[in-house]
Protein backbone atom coordinates (compact mmCIF):
# COMPACT_ATOMS: atom_id res chain seq x y z
CA MET A 1 18.13 -4.28 -82.66
CA SER A 2 19.93 -7.41 -82.99
CA SER A 3 22.54 -6.49 -80.41
CA HIS A 4 19.85 -5.68 -78.17
CA THR A 5 18.20 -9.02 -78.52
CA ASP A 6 21.49 -10.92 -78.29
CA LEU A 7 22.15 -9.09 -74.87
CA ASN A 8 19.00 -10.26 -73.58
CA ALA A 9 19.48 -13.74 -74.76
CA GLN A 10 23.14 -13.62 -72.98
CA LYS A 11 21.67 -12.48 -69.72
CA SER A 12 19.00 -14.92 -69.92
CA GLU A 13 21.53 -17.70 -70.20
CA GLN A 14 24.11 -16.22 -67.66
CA ALA A 15 25.21 -18.30 -64.63
CA LEU A 16 24.29 -17.53 -61.04
CA ASN A 17 27.22 -15.46 -59.61
CA PRO A 18 27.67 -16.08 -55.81
CA VAL A 19 28.63 -12.26 -54.92
CA TYR A 20 25.46 -11.20 -56.78
CA VAL A 21 23.29 -13.74 -54.89
CA LEU A 22 24.67 -12.69 -51.59
CA ALA A 23 23.85 -8.89 -52.75
CA TRP A 24 20.45 -9.81 -53.67
CA LEU A 25 20.22 -11.60 -50.19
CA LEU A 26 21.23 -8.71 -48.09
CA CYS A 27 18.57 -6.59 -49.93
CA ALA A 28 16.00 -9.09 -49.17
CA VAL A 29 17.08 -9.36 -45.44
CA PHE A 30 16.84 -5.51 -45.56
CA TYR A 31 13.14 -5.94 -46.79
CA PHE A 32 12.71 -8.43 -43.82
CA TYR A 33 14.18 -6.00 -41.57
CA GLN A 34 12.14 -3.00 -42.50
CA TYR A 35 8.62 -4.82 -42.61
CA ALA A 36 9.37 -5.97 -38.95
CA ILE A 37 10.23 -2.32 -37.87
CA ARG A 38 7.09 -1.01 -39.85
CA ALA A 39 4.77 -3.51 -37.73
CA THR A 40 6.40 -2.55 -34.63
CA PRO A 41 4.59 0.75 -33.73
CA GLY A 42 1.32 -1.23 -33.88
CA ILE A 43 2.52 -3.75 -31.45
CA MET A 44 3.69 -0.93 -29.16
CA GLN A 45 0.47 0.87 -29.52
CA GLY A 46 -0.78 0.53 -25.89
CA ILE A 47 2.74 1.54 -24.63
CA LEU A 48 3.15 4.51 -26.64
CA THR A 49 -0.19 5.84 -25.81
CA GLU A 50 0.45 5.31 -22.21
CA ASN A 51 3.91 7.23 -22.47
CA TRP A 52 2.61 9.97 -24.68
CA GLY A 53 -1.02 10.42 -23.52
CA HIS A 54 -2.48 9.79 -26.75
CA ASN A 55 -2.28 7.29 -29.64
CA PRO A 56 0.37 8.58 -31.98
CA LEU A 57 -0.58 5.93 -35.04
CA GLY A 58 -3.06 8.49 -36.46
CA ILE A 59 -0.07 10.91 -37.40
CA MET A 60 2.69 8.14 -37.67
CA VAL A 61 1.18 5.80 -40.20
CA PRO A 62 0.13 8.30 -42.71
CA LEU A 63 3.34 10.16 -42.56
CA TYR A 64 5.15 6.77 -43.19
CA TYR A 65 3.10 5.93 -46.30
CA VAL A 66 3.28 9.53 -47.76
CA ALA A 67 7.02 9.63 -47.41
CA TYR A 68 7.29 5.95 -48.66
CA ALA A 69 5.04 6.68 -51.81
CA GLY A 70 6.97 9.97 -52.48
CA MET A 71 10.37 8.41 -52.04
CA ALA A 72 9.42 5.53 -54.32
CA LEU A 73 9.41 8.27 -57.21
CA ILE A 74 13.15 9.41 -56.39
CA ALA A 75 14.63 5.87 -55.36
CA GLY A 76 14.29 4.43 -58.75
CA PHE A 77 15.99 7.42 -60.37
CA LEU A 78 18.83 7.26 -57.94
CA LEU A 79 19.29 3.48 -58.44
CA ASP A 80 19.50 4.05 -61.97
CA ARG A 81 21.98 6.96 -61.96
CA TYR A 82 24.38 5.94 -59.18
CA GLY A 83 23.91 2.07 -58.60
CA ALA A 84 23.26 -0.18 -55.75
CA HIS A 85 26.54 0.66 -53.94
CA LYS A 86 25.90 4.07 -53.47
CA THR A 87 22.22 3.97 -52.57
CA ILE A 88 21.05 0.82 -50.85
CA PRO A 89 23.53 1.10 -48.00
CA ALA A 90 22.52 4.77 -47.43
CA GLY A 91 18.91 3.47 -47.31
CA ILE A 92 19.68 1.09 -44.50
CA ALA A 93 21.63 3.72 -42.69
CA LEU A 94 18.30 5.97 -42.73
CA VAL A 95 16.52 3.11 -41.22
CA THR A 96 19.02 2.57 -38.54
CA ILE A 97 19.23 6.30 -37.75
CA GLY A 98 15.43 6.25 -37.55
CA SER A 99 15.57 3.42 -34.92
CA LEU A 100 17.86 5.66 -32.89
CA PHE A 101 15.66 8.53 -32.98
CA PHE A 102 12.78 6.30 -31.79
CA ALA A 103 14.85 4.79 -28.83
CA ARG A 104 15.13 8.23 -27.56
CA GLY A 105 11.53 7.98 -26.24
CA TYR A 106 10.54 11.61 -27.33
CA GLU A 107 7.25 11.61 -29.42
CA TRP A 108 8.51 14.16 -31.93
CA LEU A 109 11.65 12.23 -32.36
CA ALA A 110 9.91 9.15 -32.83
CA ILE A 111 7.58 10.35 -35.63
CA THR A 112 10.72 11.91 -37.28
CA GLY A 113 12.58 8.64 -37.18
CA PHE A 114 9.55 6.77 -38.29
CA THR A 115 9.37 8.90 -41.38
CA LEU A 116 13.13 8.50 -42.03
CA GLN A 117 12.57 4.72 -41.90
CA ALA A 118 9.92 5.12 -44.68
CA VAL A 119 12.43 7.08 -46.89
CA GLY A 120 15.20 4.49 -46.35
CA SER A 121 12.97 1.32 -46.62
CA ILE A 122 11.87 2.22 -50.14
CA PHE A 123 15.43 0.91 -51.25
CA ALA A 124 14.70 -2.72 -50.01
CA PHE A 125 12.39 -4.12 -52.38
CA LEU A 126 13.53 -1.73 -55.08
CA GLY A 127 17.20 -2.67 -54.56
CA ALA A 128 16.40 -6.43 -54.47
CA SER A 129 14.46 -6.11 -57.70
CA TYR A 130 17.29 -4.07 -59.18
CA ILE A 131 20.00 -6.51 -58.31
CA ALA A 132 17.98 -9.30 -59.46
CA ALA A 133 17.01 -7.64 -62.74
CA ARG A 134 20.63 -6.16 -63.64
CA TYR A 135 22.90 -8.96 -62.27
CA LEU A 136 21.00 -12.34 -62.10
CA PRO A 137 19.72 -14.56 -64.82
CA GLN A 138 16.57 -13.20 -66.46
CA ARG A 139 15.00 -16.54 -66.59
CA MET A 140 15.05 -16.52 -62.77
CA LEU A 141 13.95 -13.04 -62.07
CA ALA A 142 10.27 -13.78 -60.97
CA ILE A 143 11.62 -16.48 -58.60
CA PHE A 144 14.00 -13.82 -56.88
CA VAL A 145 11.42 -11.12 -56.82
CA GLY A 146 8.93 -13.64 -55.25
CA PHE A 147 11.54 -14.67 -52.70
CA THR A 148 12.13 -11.08 -51.78
CA GLU A 149 8.53 -10.39 -51.17
CA CYS A 150 8.52 -13.86 -49.16
CA LEU A 151 11.06 -12.57 -46.89
CA GLY A 152 9.30 -9.02 -46.45
CA MET A 153 6.21 -10.81 -45.32
CA ALA A 154 8.05 -13.03 -42.94
CA GLY A 155 9.31 -9.90 -41.50
CA ALA A 156 5.80 -8.52 -41.06
CA ALA A 157 4.45 -12.01 -39.48
CA PHE A 158 7.49 -13.24 -37.35
CA GLY A 159 9.29 -9.93 -36.64
CA SER A 160 6.17 -8.25 -35.08
CA LYS A 161 5.41 -11.78 -33.22
CA LEU A 162 9.09 -11.70 -31.65
CA VAL A 163 8.55 -7.90 -30.60
CA SER A 164 5.26 -8.90 -28.91
CA ILE A 165 7.21 -11.69 -26.89
CA PHE A 166 9.91 -9.38 -25.70
CA LEU A 167 7.49 -6.69 -24.77
CA ASP A 168 5.05 -8.87 -22.83
CA PRO A 169 4.72 -7.66 -19.43
CA ALA A 170 3.82 -11.31 -18.33
CA GLY A 171 6.51 -12.97 -20.35
CA ALA A 172 9.97 -14.16 -19.63
CA PHE A 173 11.66 -11.25 -20.99
CA HIS A 174 9.55 -8.05 -20.62
CA VAL A 175 12.07 -5.79 -22.42
CA GLN A 176 11.81 -1.87 -22.13
CA TRP A 177 10.36 -0.61 -25.24
CA GLN A 178 13.17 1.79 -25.99
CA LYS A 179 15.60 -1.15 -26.11
CA ILE A 180 13.65 -2.69 -28.85
CA TRP A 181 14.79 0.10 -31.04
CA ILE A 182 18.27 0.03 -29.85
CA ALA A 183 18.37 -3.69 -31.11
CA PHE A 184 16.77 -2.52 -34.29
CA ALA A 185 19.53 -0.08 -34.76
CA ILE A 186 22.40 -2.41 -33.92
CA ILE A 187 21.04 -4.85 -36.38
CA GLY A 188 20.77 -2.11 -38.94
CA ALA A 189 24.38 -0.88 -38.52
CA ILE A 190 25.66 -4.50 -39.32
CA LEU A 191 23.57 -4.78 -42.26
CA THR A 192 24.75 -1.41 -43.55
CA VAL A 193 28.28 -2.22 -43.45
CA SER A 194 27.72 -5.79 -44.90
CA THR A 195 25.72 -4.43 -47.67
CA PHE A 196 28.38 -1.58 -48.36
CA ILE A 197 31.00 -4.26 -48.50
CA VAL A 198 29.32 -6.69 -50.79
CA MET A 199 27.08 -4.46 -53.00
CA PRO A 200 28.39 -4.32 -56.68
CA HIS A 201 29.77 -0.80 -57.94
CA GLY A 202 28.07 -1.10 -61.18
CA LYS A 203 29.49 -1.01 -64.64
CA LYS A 204 29.52 2.76 -65.37
CA ASP A 205 32.99 4.27 -65.71
CA GLU A 206 33.91 7.79 -64.60
CA GLU A 207 33.93 9.34 -67.86
CA GLU A 208 30.34 8.15 -68.56
CA GLU A 209 29.28 9.54 -65.32
CA GLN A 210 30.92 12.91 -66.19
CA ARG A 211 28.95 12.95 -69.39
CA GLN A 212 25.62 12.53 -67.53
CA LYS A 213 25.15 15.70 -66.05
CA LEU A 214 22.63 16.20 -63.36
CA ASP A 215 20.49 19.01 -64.53
CA PHE A 216 16.75 19.42 -64.67
CA SER A 217 16.09 17.95 -67.91
CA SER A 218 18.00 14.70 -66.83
CA LEU A 219 16.03 14.50 -63.65
CA ILE A 220 12.50 14.69 -65.26
CA GLN A 221 13.44 12.66 -68.31
CA PRO A 222 12.98 9.26 -66.90
CA PHE A 223 9.54 10.21 -65.28
CA ARG A 224 8.56 11.69 -68.74
CA LEU A 225 9.08 8.39 -70.28
CA ILE A 226 7.42 6.39 -67.66
CA PHE A 227 4.46 8.71 -67.05
CA SER A 228 4.01 8.75 -70.85
CA ASN A 229 3.67 5.02 -71.24
CA PRO A 230 0.07 3.58 -70.51
CA GLN A 231 1.53 0.12 -69.62
CA SER A 232 3.47 1.90 -66.62
CA TRP A 233 -0.16 3.26 -65.53
CA LEU A 234 -1.70 -0.16 -66.04
CA ALA A 235 1.10 -1.85 -64.12
CA GLY A 236 0.95 0.68 -61.23
CA VAL A 237 -2.77 0.44 -60.95
CA ILE A 238 -2.57 -3.30 -61.05
CA GLY A 239 0.04 -3.55 -58.40
CA GLY A 240 -1.46 -1.03 -56.13
CA LEU A 241 -5.00 -2.71 -56.31
CA LEU A 242 -3.20 -5.85 -55.45
CA PHE A 243 -1.23 -4.63 -52.63
CA ALA A 244 -3.77 -2.60 -50.80
CA PRO A 245 -6.31 -5.03 -49.69
CA THR A 246 -3.82 -7.31 -47.98
CA THR A 247 -0.87 -4.89 -46.58
CA ILE A 248 -3.24 -1.78 -45.72
CA GLY A 249 -6.44 -3.28 -45.55
CA ILE A 250 -6.01 -6.49 -43.40
CA LEU A 251 -2.78 -5.58 -41.80
CA ALA A 252 -4.00 -2.36 -40.84
CA TRP A 253 -7.74 -2.83 -39.85
CA GLY A 254 -8.04 -6.63 -39.88
CA ALA A 255 -7.81 -7.00 -36.20
CA SER A 256 -10.45 -4.48 -35.39
CA PHE A 257 -12.53 -5.90 -38.12
CA PHE A 258 -12.44 -9.64 -36.87
CA SER A 259 -12.71 -8.80 -33.22
CA LYS A 260 -15.82 -6.85 -33.57
CA GLY A 261 -17.42 -8.73 -36.37
CA GLU A 262 -16.66 -12.12 -34.89
CA HIS A 263 -16.78 -11.07 -31.39
CA ILE A 264 -13.28 -12.63 -30.44
CA SER A 265 -10.31 -11.31 -28.53
CA ILE A 266 -7.70 -9.09 -30.11
CA ALA A 267 -5.29 -11.84 -29.54
CA GLU A 268 -7.30 -14.35 -31.63
CA ALA A 269 -7.89 -11.50 -34.28
CA ALA A 270 -4.12 -10.89 -34.58
CA THR A 271 -3.64 -14.53 -35.04
CA LEU A 272 -5.93 -14.52 -38.00
CA VAL A 273 -4.20 -11.48 -39.51
CA SER A 274 -1.07 -12.96 -39.12
CA MET A 275 -2.16 -15.57 -41.84
CA VAL A 276 -2.11 -12.85 -44.45
CA PRO A 277 1.60 -12.18 -44.52
CA LEU A 278 2.13 -16.13 -43.90
CA GLY A 279 0.06 -16.41 -47.25
CA TRP A 280 2.46 -14.13 -48.97
CA VAL A 281 5.29 -16.16 -47.49
CA ILE A 282 4.00 -19.31 -49.33
CA GLY A 283 2.51 -17.73 -52.30
CA CYS A 284 5.38 -15.29 -53.49
CA PRO A 285 8.05 -17.94 -54.42
CA LEU A 286 5.27 -20.20 -55.73
CA ILE A 287 3.81 -17.75 -57.97
CA GLY A 288 7.26 -16.63 -58.91
CA TYR A 289 8.08 -20.18 -59.78
CA ILE A 290 4.88 -20.81 -61.87
CA SER A 291 5.31 -17.50 -63.81
CA ASP A 292 8.66 -18.29 -64.80
CA LYS A 293 7.58 -21.85 -65.71
CA ILE A 294 4.92 -20.99 -67.97
CA GLY A 295 6.66 -17.74 -69.38
CA HIS A 296 3.76 -15.56 -68.89
CA ARG A 297 2.84 -12.73 -66.22
CA ARG A 298 -0.73 -12.04 -67.15
CA PRO A 299 -2.47 -15.57 -66.44
CA VAL A 300 -0.79 -15.36 -62.95
CA LEU A 301 -2.04 -11.77 -62.26
CA ILE A 302 -5.72 -12.82 -63.41
CA GLY A 303 -5.69 -16.01 -61.20
CA GLY A 304 -4.05 -14.13 -57.95
CA SER A 305 -6.78 -11.13 -58.46
CA SER A 306 -9.39 -13.75 -58.89
CA LEU A 307 -8.35 -15.43 -55.63
CA LEU A 308 -8.10 -12.19 -53.84
CA LEU A 309 -11.79 -11.32 -54.94
CA LEU A 310 -13.06 -14.69 -53.77
CA SER A 311 -11.22 -14.11 -50.44
CA TYR A 312 -12.90 -10.91 -49.74
CA ILE A 313 -16.31 -12.04 -51.06
CA SER A 314 -16.13 -15.09 -48.45
CA LEU A 315 -15.07 -12.58 -45.59
CA LEU A 316 -17.93 -10.07 -46.30
């Protein structure tokens, strides 16, 4: 018990290693990148409907989130077992391949590619959190997690805006929609190689890996521990309830809600909706800093939940 306490104390006092900071930053950039990609089909909705004869988002969005949620259960196990170097670059590569599928222009390939992107994208936030928790000072964990979420929401806000600028028929660029996905694939390829080079290999030696046989028992053991812990369920429910009203509620349905409810144009409604990810950009590092500063998580969760409730009451 004392050795475990000493290890935690040592980790809390460790200095920032530039290589590990760079590894975390690449994961955070990956989070920015995948959020920009996630928002892009919504921006292309009219173009895709025109090309394919119907609106594909009714199929694409549910498949994306089902794949994303399902992979979330597996990705943590893979990270714990194989480490960041073997898993995070593979996740970025899947997002890159999905972009190439989308660039082909065929509906079934685009849906397959978007689902592949969901599978790979789960390693963005999980990977950044894994690097922060394992290799960076414990006293700064909430700050790094907050900045990760900040970059992700910046991708949703600014990435989608850039895509709309390049696609605008009346704009200066008017880029073909398939070329947007080719550009995403090029960015993903560069990010995959960079992450593969920088990402730490982990501290497990080959003898330890050989002792850890991959069988059914070892596969379900982590899930048995997590699902039997009431705190895991509580944390998951709280996180989901805080996440859903903004990223799914407002970002998915907010434009239609404001446009019909307030009788404003879609462009004006989209501007209002973009304030939500911008709020995340400001709030994530700020909340992380406050949480680390006071040394408690619960008051921050209660305060954030209260602000979210008041915001929705004012909207309704």
